[in-house]
Amino acid sequence: MMPDLQSTLLAIIVFQSLLFALILLTNRGPKRLSNRILAIFLLFLGGQMGVILGEGLTAYPQWVLQSLCVFGFVYGPLLYLYTASLIYRDWSWRAGLWWHFVPAAVMLSGPPAGYPLCPRVGSLLYLSLIAYLVLAICQLFRYRSAVANTRSTSARIDLGWLQWTMVIFSLTFLLDLIDHFFADVSLFERISMVHLTILLLVNWMFYKGLKQPTIFLGITYQDEQLRTVATQHSPEERAEVQAELDRIRSHLDRSRPYTDPQLSLDDLAEQLQLPPRRLSMFINTHFGQNFMAFINGYRIELARERLANPADPKETILEVMYEVGFNSKSSFNTLFKQQTGLTPSEYKKKHAR
């Protein structure tokens, strides 16, 4: 008998999940721990789809069918921990992290004890998924804030793809919620929309999860702890602060450290012989900007000068972009237009005339 389309779709998900998990487990590149967490996520996903695929073909032990909700209690913690392992450069597995999997362990221990919990309280997995999605998204927001305060570019620390992973995961979760409580979300030939989005999620997470860590730098816990605290200064302190501000401006004007595309708050603090937290306070409180916006402002000003008064008439906009410290054409164009009202090419043509 020929398999139907739904069974074929499930078989593809199982095959790809197991294959991708194997590749991730044997990958020896950077962020190896992140790859292993993602591999475990895919193994559980492939396992659940395998159980669903074989449900009509195999006589599973009763305890297996009574424990299906365990998968749902595992996905949330794994997604949350995977996000943390990507965000923090020095993240490591600690013994205290196992508590995230206590609900799954409790659900799994029910059937052998003769008290299956999934049929009774299994729907709580949806609350668990919502909670961990919120936690993972909050981590991303804190990460973006830390990046803006400590880095001058986001080219090697951009996690936009992980935000899209959250979107796809949330869509899958929402469709499953609708299918479980409200209405069937199947398409033609009994193909489930939930399983289609799972297939998309598997391929997206594998491709991006394997590719991105090879170029990803991450932040440290110290970066995240940098916060701006407005303080009141005495006249003597104000004079000292003004002297420090003048020294920062003088260093930026004279040495132009911002032309280094990888300049970080720590780098600039070391050059100025200032504690990073104090430098961050100066930039946020007295210049009214985060570190990235502050440095990019200097880069745009230098770019304006170079485009308006080129030393070499044959110098291209791309050459100017790289020499002032940008390594992303889209970021350069966007920030240049925000600050000048013109694109770089329009600005160059205007001043050429």
Protein backbone atom coordinates (compact mmCIF):
# COMPACT_ATOMS: atom_id res chain seq x y z
CA MET A 1 0.00 0.00 0.00
CA MET A 2 1.35 3.42 -0.97
CA PRO A 3 1.92 5.78 1.97
CA ASP A 4 -0.31 8.85 2.06
CA LEU A 5 1.08 12.38 1.90
CA GLN A 6 0.76 12.92 5.65
CA SER A 7 2.82 9.81 6.40
CA THR A 8 5.39 10.85 3.81
CA LEU A 9 5.66 14.29 5.42
CA LEU A 10 6.18 12.75 8.87
CA ALA A 11 8.81 10.36 7.48
CA ILE A 12 10.71 13.31 5.94
CA ILE A 13 10.64 15.17 9.29
CA VAL A 14 11.93 12.08 11.13
CA PHE A 15 14.69 11.45 8.60
CA GLN A 16 15.85 15.06 8.45
CA SER A 17 15.69 15.54 12.23
CA LEU A 18 17.83 12.48 12.90
CA LEU A 19 20.26 13.23 10.07
CA PHE A 20 20.70 16.88 11.09
CA ALA A 21 21.11 15.88 14.75
CA LEU A 22 23.88 13.45 13.77
CA ILE A 23 25.67 16.15 11.76
CA LEU A 24 25.42 18.62 14.63
CA LEU A 25 26.69 16.11 17.18
CA THR A 26 29.77 15.35 15.07
CA ASN A 27 30.47 18.99 14.14
CA ARG A 28 33.69 20.25 15.73
CA GLY A 29 33.33 23.94 14.97
CA PRO A 30 32.83 26.80 17.44
CA LYS A 31 29.84 26.81 19.77
CA ARG A 32 29.94 23.03 20.05
CA LEU A 33 27.73 23.06 23.13
CA SER A 34 25.06 25.06 21.26
CA ASN A 35 25.14 22.52 18.44
CA ARG A 36 24.63 19.68 20.91
CA ILE A 37 21.62 21.35 22.52
CA LEU A 38 20.13 21.91 19.06
CA ALA A 39 20.87 18.27 18.19
CA ILE A 40 19.00 17.08 21.31
CA PHE A 41 16.06 19.32 20.33
CA LEU A 42 16.00 17.70 16.87
CA LEU A 43 16.30 14.18 18.33
CA PHE A 44 13.26 14.75 20.53
CA LEU A 45 11.37 16.26 17.59
CA GLY A 46 12.27 13.32 15.35
CA GLY A 47 11.32 10.91 18.12
CA GLN A 48 7.88 12.46 18.60
CA MET A 49 7.17 12.50 14.87
CA GLY A 50 8.35 8.88 14.69
CA VAL A 51 5.87 7.85 17.38
CA ILE A 52 3.05 9.67 15.56
CA LEU A 53 4.09 8.06 12.24
CA GLY A 54 4.15 4.57 13.68
CA GLU A 55 1.04 4.92 15.82
CA GLY A 56 -1.15 3.25 13.23
CA LEU A 57 1.45 0.65 12.26
CA THR A 58 2.98 -0.47 15.55
CA ALA A 59 1.48 -1.67 18.78
CA TYR A 60 3.27 0.68 21.17
CA PRO A 61 3.33 -0.16 24.88
CA GLN A 62 0.58 1.72 26.68
CA TRP A 63 3.07 3.78 28.72
CA VAL A 64 4.54 5.25 25.50
CA LEU A 65 1.16 6.58 24.35
CA GLN A 66 0.50 7.87 27.87
CA SER A 67 3.78 9.83 27.89
CA LEU A 68 3.58 11.81 24.64
CA CYS A 69 3.23 15.12 26.49
CA VAL A 70 6.83 14.69 27.74
CA PHE A 71 8.07 15.96 24.37
CA GLY A 72 6.16 19.21 24.83
CA PHE A 73 7.70 19.76 28.27
CA VAL A 74 11.20 19.35 26.80
CA TYR A 75 11.02 21.73 23.80
CA GLY A 76 10.62 24.94 25.83
CA PRO A 77 13.66 24.43 28.10
CA LEU A 78 15.83 23.32 25.18
CA LEU A 79 14.92 26.38 23.11
CA TYR A 80 15.59 28.66 26.09
CA LEU A 81 18.96 27.05 26.87
CA TYR A 82 19.94 27.05 23.20
CA THR A 83 19.26 30.79 23.05
CA ALA A 84 21.37 31.40 26.18
CA SER A 85 24.24 29.28 24.83
CA LEU A 86 24.34 31.38 21.65
CA ILE A 87 24.02 34.76 23.32
CA TYR A 88 26.70 34.40 25.99
CA ARG A 89 30.26 33.87 24.86
CA ASP A 90 31.28 32.07 28.06
CA TRP A 91 28.06 30.09 28.66
CA SER A 92 28.49 26.60 30.08
CA TRP A 93 26.24 23.84 31.33
CA ARG A 94 25.73 23.95 35.09
CA ALA A 95 24.16 21.40 37.40
CA GLY A 96 21.41 23.84 38.32
CA LEU A 97 20.07 23.83 34.75
CA TRP A 98 18.65 20.31 35.11
CA TRP A 99 15.68 21.65 37.08
CA HIS A 100 14.21 22.92 33.80
CA PHE A 101 13.50 19.28 32.90
CA VAL A 102 11.84 18.27 36.18
CA PRO A 103 8.26 18.60 34.77
CA ALA A 104 9.18 16.28 31.86
CA ALA A 105 10.73 13.77 34.28
CA VAL A 106 7.62 13.86 36.49
CA MET A 107 5.34 13.25 33.49
CA LEU A 108 7.56 10.37 32.33
CA SER A 109 7.56 8.72 35.76
CA GLY A 110 3.75 8.59 35.97
CA PRO A 111 2.89 5.57 33.73
CA PRO A 112 5.44 3.14 35.28
CA ALA A 113 3.99 4.02 38.69
CA GLY A 114 0.51 3.23 37.41
CA TYR A 115 -0.60 6.85 37.44
CA PRO A 116 -0.35 8.38 33.95
CA LEU A 117 -0.20 12.16 34.24
CA CYS A 118 -0.28 13.23 30.58
CA PRO A 119 -4.01 12.46 30.08
CA ARG A 120 -4.79 14.46 33.24
CA VAL A 121 -2.47 17.48 33.23
CA GLY A 122 -0.65 17.15 29.90
CA SER A 123 -2.23 20.34 28.57
CA LEU A 124 -0.03 22.27 30.98
CA LEU A 125 2.72 21.84 28.39
CA TYR A 126 1.20 24.81 26.52
CA LEU A 127 1.73 27.03 29.58
CA SER A 128 5.29 25.71 29.80
CA LEU A 129 5.94 26.56 26.16
CA ILE A 130 4.52 30.08 26.56
CA ALA A 131 6.67 30.68 29.65
CA TYR A 132 9.90 29.55 27.97
CA LEU A 133 9.15 31.46 24.78
CA VAL A 134 8.72 34.63 26.85
CA LEU A 135 11.99 33.92 28.70
CA ALA A 136 13.89 33.33 25.43
CA ILE A 137 12.48 36.50 23.86
CA CYS A 138 13.41 38.51 26.98
CA GLN A 139 16.94 37.17 26.64
CA LEU A 140 17.07 38.45 23.07
CA PHE A 141 15.90 41.91 24.14
CA ARG A 142 18.55 42.08 26.86
CA TYR A 143 21.11 40.91 24.36
CA ARG A 144 20.25 43.63 21.85
CA SER A 145 20.52 46.25 24.59
CA ALA A 146 23.92 44.92 25.68
CA VAL A 147 25.19 44.87 22.09
CA ALA A 148 24.16 48.49 21.52
CA ASN A 149 25.99 49.52 24.70
CA THR A 150 29.22 47.58 24.12
CA ARG A 151 29.76 47.07 20.38
CA SER A 152 30.23 49.48 17.49
CA THR A 153 28.84 47.05 14.89
CA SER A 154 26.46 44.12 14.94
CA ALA A 155 27.79 42.40 11.80
CA ARG A 156 29.29 39.44 13.68
CA ILE A 157 26.84 39.40 16.58
CA ASP A 158 23.51 39.71 14.81
CA LEU A 159 20.88 37.23 15.99
CA GLY A 160 18.07 38.29 13.69
CA TRP A 161 17.87 34.72 12.41
CA LEU A 162 17.18 33.50 15.98
CA GLN A 163 14.28 35.95 16.20
CA TRP A 164 12.86 34.35 13.07
CA THR A 165 13.35 30.94 14.70
CA MET A 166 11.17 32.18 17.57
CA VAL A 167 8.57 33.36 15.08
CA ILE A 168 8.43 29.98 13.30
CA PHE A 169 8.36 28.11 16.62
CA SER A 170 5.57 30.39 17.88
CA LEU A 171 3.58 29.81 14.70
CA THR A 172 3.95 26.05 15.09
CA PHE A 173 2.91 26.30 18.73
CA LEU A 174 -0.13 28.47 17.85
CA LEU A 175 -1.31 26.06 15.13
CA ASP A 176 -0.91 23.10 17.48
CA LEU A 177 -2.88 24.97 20.15
CA ILE A 178 -5.70 25.68 17.69
CA ASP A 179 -5.65 22.07 16.47
CA HIS A 180 -5.75 20.69 20.02
CA PHE A 181 -8.43 22.90 21.52
CA PHE A 182 -10.47 24.52 18.75
CA ALA A 183 -10.42 23.21 15.16
CA ASP A 184 -8.62 20.84 12.83
CA VAL A 185 -5.86 22.65 10.89
CA SER A 186 -5.30 19.96 8.26
CA LEU A 187 -5.09 20.74 4.57
CA PHE A 188 -5.86 18.43 1.66
CA GLU A 189 -4.96 14.74 2.01
CA ARG A 190 -4.98 15.15 5.81
CA ILE A 191 -1.70 17.07 5.69
CA SER A 192 -1.33 18.90 8.99
CA MET A 193 -0.28 22.55 8.91
CA VAL A 194 1.47 21.89 12.22
CA HIS A 195 3.70 19.30 10.59
CA LEU A 196 4.41 21.59 7.62
CA THR A 197 5.64 24.34 9.96
CA ILE A 198 7.67 21.74 11.90
CA LEU A 199 9.39 20.76 8.65
CA LEU A 200 10.17 24.43 8.01
CA LEU A 201 11.46 24.80 11.58
CA VAL A 202 13.74 21.76 11.30
CA ASN A 203 15.38 22.98 8.10
CA TRP A 204 15.64 26.60 9.26
CA MET A 205 17.16 25.73 12.65
CA PHE A 206 19.65 23.30 11.17
CA TYR A 207 20.85 25.59 8.39
CA LYS A 208 21.10 28.72 10.51
CA GLY A 209 22.11 26.97 13.72
CA LEU A 210 25.05 25.26 12.02
CA LYS A 211 26.09 28.24 9.93
CA GLN A 212 25.74 31.12 12.38
CA PRO A 213 27.88 29.90 15.30
CA THR A 214 30.93 29.73 13.01
CA ILE A 215 30.89 33.54 12.74
CA PHE A 216 29.16 34.40 16.00
CA LEU A 217 31.05 36.11 18.83
CA GLY A 218 28.42 36.61 21.52
CA ILE A 219 28.50 38.83 24.59
CA THR A 220 29.70 38.29 28.14
CA TYR A 221 27.69 38.52 31.35
CA GLN A 222 29.69 41.66 32.16
CA ASP A 223 28.47 43.27 28.93
CA GLU A 224 24.86 42.65 29.94
CA GLN A 225 25.41 44.14 33.39
CA LEU A 226 26.46 47.50 31.98
CA ARG A 227 23.67 49.90 32.86
CA THR A 228 23.51 53.67 32.78
CA VAL A 229 22.83 55.26 36.14
CA ALA A 230 22.30 59.02 36.19
CA THR A 231 24.23 60.61 39.04
CA GLN A 232 24.43 64.08 40.54
CA HIS A 233 27.90 65.62 40.54
CA SER A 234 29.43 68.24 42.80
CA PRO A 235 31.14 71.25 41.13
CA GLU A 236 34.52 69.54 41.53
CA GLU A 237 33.18 66.30 40.07
CA ARG A 238 31.57 68.18 37.17
CA ALA A 239 34.92 69.72 36.31
CA GLU A 240 36.54 66.27 36.41
CA VAL A 241 33.79 64.79 34.25
CA GLN A 242 34.11 67.62 31.70
CA ALA A 243 37.85 66.98 31.50
CA GLU A 244 37.18 63.29 30.83
CA LEU A 245 34.59 64.13 28.15
CA ASP A 246 37.08 66.46 26.44
CA ARG A 247 39.70 63.71 26.57
CA ILE A 248 37.29 61.23 24.96
CA ARG A 249 36.42 63.67 22.17
CA SER A 250 40.08 64.55 21.63
CA HIS A 251 41.08 60.90 21.37
CA LEU A 252 38.32 60.15 18.87
CA ASP A 253 39.17 63.21 16.74
CA ARG A 254 42.91 62.63 16.84
CA SER A 255 43.31 58.82 16.69
CA ARG A 256 40.06 57.88 14.93
CA PRO A 257 39.74 54.47 16.63
CA TYR A 258 36.23 54.16 15.19
CA THR A 259 37.70 53.26 11.78
CA ASP A 260 38.26 49.78 13.26
CA PRO A 261 35.01 47.96 12.38
CA GLN A 262 35.38 45.63 15.37
CA LEU A 263 35.90 48.39 17.94
CA SER A 264 34.21 47.52 21.24
CA LEU A 265 33.55 49.41 24.45
CA ASP A 266 36.34 47.44 26.15
CA ASP A 267 38.78 48.38 23.36
CA LEU A 268 38.04 52.08 23.63
CA ALA A 269 38.09 51.97 27.44
CA GLU A 270 41.55 50.37 27.31
CA GLN A 271 42.82 53.05 24.93
CA LEU A 272 41.50 55.79 27.24
CA GLN A 273 42.58 53.94 30.40
CA LEU A 274 39.07 54.16 31.79
CA PRO A 275 36.92 51.43 33.39
CA PRO A 276 34.38 50.22 30.78
CA ARG A 277 31.46 50.94 33.13
CA ARG A 278 32.61 54.55 33.58
CA LEU A 279 33.08 55.04 29.84
CA SER A 280 29.61 53.59 29.22
CA MET A 281 28.17 56.05 31.77
CA PHE A 282 29.87 58.99 30.01
CA ILE A 283 28.55 57.98 26.58
CA ASN A 284 24.99 57.20 27.70
CA THR A 285 24.52 60.01 30.20
CA HIS A 286 26.54 62.89 28.77
CA PHE A 287 26.40 62.18 25.04
CA GLY A 288 22.86 60.80 25.20
CA GLN A 289 23.58 57.74 23.04
CA ASN A 290 24.44 54.10 23.36
CA PHE A 291 27.95 53.03 22.34
CA MET A 292 27.02 51.80 18.85
CA ALA A 293 25.13 54.98 17.92
CA PHE A 294 27.92 57.14 19.40
CA ILE A 295 30.67 55.46 17.34
CA ASN A 296 28.60 55.28 14.17
CA GLY A 297 27.96 59.02 14.44
CA TYR A 298 31.70 59.64 14.16
CA ARG A 299 31.92 57.22 11.24
CA ILE A 300 29.15 59.00 9.34
CA GLU A 301 30.77 62.40 9.94
CA LEU A 302 34.06 61.13 8.53
CA ALA A 303 32.21 59.60 5.57
CA ARG A 304 30.50 62.95 4.86
CA GLU A 305 33.87 64.68 4.89
CA ARG A 306 35.42 62.10 2.57
CA LEU A 307 32.50 62.18 0.11
CA ALA A 308 32.29 65.97 0.04
CA ASN A 309 36.06 66.51 -0.29
CA PRO A 310 37.57 63.36 -1.81
CA ALA A 311 41.37 63.14 -1.83
CA ASP A 312 41.06 60.93 -4.90
CA PRO A 313 38.26 61.67 -7.41
CA LYS A 314 38.18 57.96 -8.30
CA GLU A 315 37.51 56.86 -4.72
CA THR A 316 34.28 54.85 -4.57
CA ILE A 317 31.55 55.00 -1.95
CA LEU A 318 32.34 51.39 -1.02
CA GLU A 319 35.96 52.30 -0.33
CA VAL A 320 34.86 55.19 1.87
CA MET A 321 32.44 52.91 3.71
CA TYR A 322 35.16 50.41 4.62
CA GLU A 323 37.74 53.04 5.51
CA VAL A 324 35.48 54.86 8.00
CA GLY A 325 34.73 51.61 9.85
CA PHE A 326 31.57 50.10 8.35
CA ASN A 327 31.48 46.56 6.99
CA SER A 328 27.79 46.43 6.08
CA LYS A 329 26.52 48.36 3.08
CA SER A 330 22.89 48.29 4.23
CA SER A 331 23.77 49.65 7.70
CA PHE A 332 25.96 52.37 6.19
CA ASN A 333 23.28 53.51 3.73
CA THR A 334 20.54 53.49 6.38
CA LEU A 335 22.54 55.43 9.00
CA PHE A 336 23.92 57.88 6.42
CA LYS A 337 20.44 58.77 5.19
CA GLN A 338 19.12 59.09 8.76
CA GLN A 339 21.86 61.58 9.60
CA THR A 340 22.03 63.56 6.34
CA GLY A 341 18.66 63.05 4.67
CA LEU A 342 20.46 61.77 1.55
CA THR A 343 21.87 58.46 0.43
CA PRO A 344 25.69 58.34 0.09
CA SER A 345 25.46 58.47 -3.72
CA GLU A 346 23.04 61.44 -3.60
CA TYR A 347 25.31 63.23 -1.13
CA LYS A 348 28.37 62.63 -3.29
CA LYS A 349 26.63 63.88 -6.45
CA LYS A 350 25.33 66.97 -4.68
CA HIS A 351 28.80 68.01 -3.48
CA ALA A 352 30.42 67.08 -6.78
CA ARG A 353 28.25 69.72 -8.45
